[in-house]
Amino acid sequence: MSDQKNSDRAAYALVQVLFDKLEERDRRIAALEAENAELIRKLAERLFKKED
């Protein structure tokens, strides 16, 4: 039974690490999306100013 508990703990720890990595990835993606939106907004402003 002890081996099973150790195996369960190891599996839980691995799952936790994977979820942490996914959360970190999601935060980086969100930051990149925000940066892209800001760049697109600035580009649109410049394009509209040229048309005026």
N, C-alpha and C. Protein backbone atom coordinates (compact mmCIF):
# COMPACT_ATOMS: atom_id res chain seq x y z
N MET A 1 0.82 -1.21 0.00
CA MET A 1 0.00 0.00 0.00
C MET A 1 0.86 1.26 0.00
N SER A 2 2.01 1.19 0.67
CA SER A 2 2.90 2.34 0.71
C SER A 2 3.40 2.71 -0.69
N ASP A 3 3.69 1.70 -1.50
CA ASP A 3 4.13 1.96 -2.86
C ASP A 3 3.04 2.68 -3.65
N GLN A 4 1.80 2.28 -3.43
CA GLN A 4 0.67 2.92 -4.13
C GLN A 4 0.54 4.38 -3.69
N LYS A 5 0.70 4.63 -2.39
CA LYS A 5 0.60 6.02 -1.90
C LYS A 5 1.72 6.87 -2.50
N ASN A 6 2.93 6.31 -2.54
CA ASN A 6 4.04 7.05 -3.12
C ASN A 6 3.80 7.31 -4.61
N SER A 7 3.28 6.33 -5.30
CA SER A 7 2.97 6.48 -6.71
C SER A 7 1.88 7.54 -6.92
N ASP A 8 0.87 7.52 -6.07
CA ASP A 8 -0.20 8.52 -6.15
C ASP A 8 0.34 9.92 -5.89
N ARG A 9 1.22 10.03 -4.91
CA ARG A 9 1.81 11.34 -4.60
C ARG A 9 2.65 11.85 -5.77
N ALA A 10 3.42 10.95 -6.35
CA ALA A 10 4.26 11.34 -7.48
C ALA A 10 3.39 11.76 -8.67
N ALA A 11 2.33 11.03 -8.91
CA ALA A 11 1.43 11.37 -10.01
C ALA A 11 0.76 12.73 -9.75
N TYR A 12 0.34 12.96 -8.51
CA TYR A 12 -0.28 14.23 -8.16
C TYR A 12 0.72 15.38 -8.35
N ALA A 13 1.96 15.17 -7.91
CA ALA A 13 2.98 16.20 -8.05
C ALA A 13 3.23 16.51 -9.52
N LEU A 14 3.28 15.48 -10.35
CA LEU A 14 3.48 15.68 -11.78
C LEU A 14 2.33 16.47 -12.40
N VAL A 15 1.12 16.11 -12.05
CA VAL A 15 -0.06 16.82 -12.56
C VAL A 15 -0.02 18.28 -12.12
N GLN A 16 0.37 18.51 -10.88
CA GLN A 16 0.45 19.89 -10.37
C GLN A 16 1.48 20.70 -11.15
N VAL A 17 2.63 20.09 -11.42
CA VAL A 17 3.67 20.78 -12.21
C VAL A 17 3.15 21.10 -13.61
N LEU A 18 2.46 20.15 -14.22
CA LEU A 18 1.92 20.38 -15.56
C LEU A 18 0.88 21.50 -15.57
N PHE A 19 0.01 21.53 -14.57
CA PHE A 19 -0.97 22.61 -14.49
C PHE A 19 -0.29 23.95 -14.26
N ASP A 20 0.76 23.98 -13.44
CA ASP A 20 1.50 25.23 -13.21
C ASP A 20 2.12 25.72 -14.52
N LYS A 21 2.68 24.80 -15.30
CA LYS A 21 3.27 25.19 -16.58
C LYS A 21 2.20 25.70 -17.55
N LEU A 22 1.03 25.08 -17.55
CA LEU A 22 -0.06 25.56 -18.40
C LEU A 22 -0.50 26.96 -17.98
N GLU A 23 -0.60 27.20 -16.69
CA GLU A 23 -0.99 28.53 -16.21
C GLU A 23 0.04 29.58 -16.61
N GLU A 24 1.32 29.22 -16.48
CA GLU A 24 2.38 30.14 -16.89
C GLU A 24 2.29 30.44 -18.38
N ARG A 25 2.07 29.40 -19.17
CA ARG A 25 1.92 29.57 -20.62
C ARG A 25 0.73 30.46 -20.94
N ASP A 26 -0.38 30.24 -20.25
CA ASP A 26 -1.57 31.05 -20.49
C ASP A 26 -1.33 32.51 -20.14
N ARG A 27 -0.57 32.77 -19.07
CA ARG A 27 -0.24 34.16 -18.71
C ARG A 27 0.63 34.81 -19.79
N ARG A 28 1.58 34.06 -20.31
CA ARG A 28 2.44 34.60 -21.38
C ARG A 28 1.64 34.88 -22.64
N ILE A 29 0.74 33.97 -22.97
CA ILE A 29 -0.12 34.17 -24.15
C ILE A 29 -0.99 35.41 -23.97
N ALA A 30 -1.56 35.58 -22.79
CA ALA A 30 -2.40 36.75 -22.53
C ALA A 30 -1.58 38.03 -22.65
N ALA A 31 -0.35 38.01 -22.16
CA ALA A 31 0.51 39.19 -22.26
C ALA A 31 0.83 39.50 -23.73
N LEU A 32 1.11 38.47 -24.51
CA LEU A 32 1.39 38.67 -25.93
C LEU A 32 0.16 39.18 -26.68
N GLU A 33 -1.00 38.67 -26.31
CA GLU A 33 -2.24 39.15 -26.96
C GLU A 33 -2.47 40.62 -26.64
N ALA A 34 -2.21 41.02 -25.40
CA ALA A 34 -2.37 42.43 -25.02
C ALA A 34 -1.36 43.30 -25.79
N GLU A 35 -0.14 42.82 -25.90
CA GLU A 35 0.88 43.56 -26.64
C GLU A 35 0.48 43.68 -28.12
N ASN A 36 0.00 42.60 -28.70
CA ASN A 36 -0.45 42.64 -30.10
C ASN A 36 -1.59 43.62 -30.29
N ALA A 37 -2.54 43.62 -29.37
CA ALA A 37 -3.67 44.54 -29.47
C ALA A 37 -3.19 45.99 -29.42
N GLU A 38 -2.23 46.28 -28.57
CA GLU A 38 -1.69 47.64 -28.47
C GLU A 38 -0.97 48.02 -29.76
N LEU A 39 -0.20 47.11 -30.33
CA LEU A 39 0.49 47.40 -31.59
C LEU A 39 -0.50 47.62 -32.72
N ILE A 40 -1.55 46.82 -32.77
CA ILE A 40 -2.57 46.98 -33.80
C ILE A 40 -3.28 48.33 -33.64
N ARG A 41 -3.57 48.70 -32.39
CA ARG A 41 -4.22 49.98 -32.13
C ARG A 41 -3.35 51.14 -32.61
N LYS A 42 -2.05 51.08 -32.30
CA LYS A 42 -1.13 52.15 -32.73
C LYS A 42 -1.03 52.21 -34.24
N LEU A 43 -0.96 51.05 -34.89
CA LEU A 43 -0.89 51.01 -36.34
C LEU A 43 -2.16 51.59 -36.96
N ALA A 44 -3.30 51.24 -36.42
CA ALA A 44 -4.57 51.77 -36.93
C ALA A 44 -4.62 53.28 -36.77
N GLU A 45 -4.14 53.79 -35.64
CA GLU A 45 -4.11 55.24 -35.44
C GLU A 45 -3.25 55.92 -36.50
N ARG A 46 -2.09 55.35 -36.77
CA ARG A 46 -1.21 55.94 -37.78
C ARG A 46 -1.84 55.89 -39.16
N LEU A 47 -2.50 54.78 -39.49
CA LEU A 47 -3.13 54.66 -40.80
C LEU A 47 -4.26 55.66 -40.97
N PHE A 48 -5.06 55.83 -39.92
CA PHE A 48 -6.18 56.78 -40.01
C PHE A 48 -5.68 58.21 -40.07
N LYS A 49 -4.57 58.51 -39.42
CA LYS A 49 -4.01 59.86 -39.49
C LYS A 49 -3.51 60.18 -40.89
N LYS A 50 -2.96 59.18 -41.59
CA LYS A 50 -2.48 59.38 -42.97
C LYS A 50 -3.64 59.65 -43.92
N GLU A 51 -4.79 59.06 -43.65
CA GLU A 51 -5.96 59.22 -44.52
C GLU A 51 -6.59 60.59 -44.36
N ASP A 52 -6.39 61.22 -43.20
CA ASP A 52 -7.03 62.53 -42.95
C ASP A 52 -6.43 63.64 -43.79
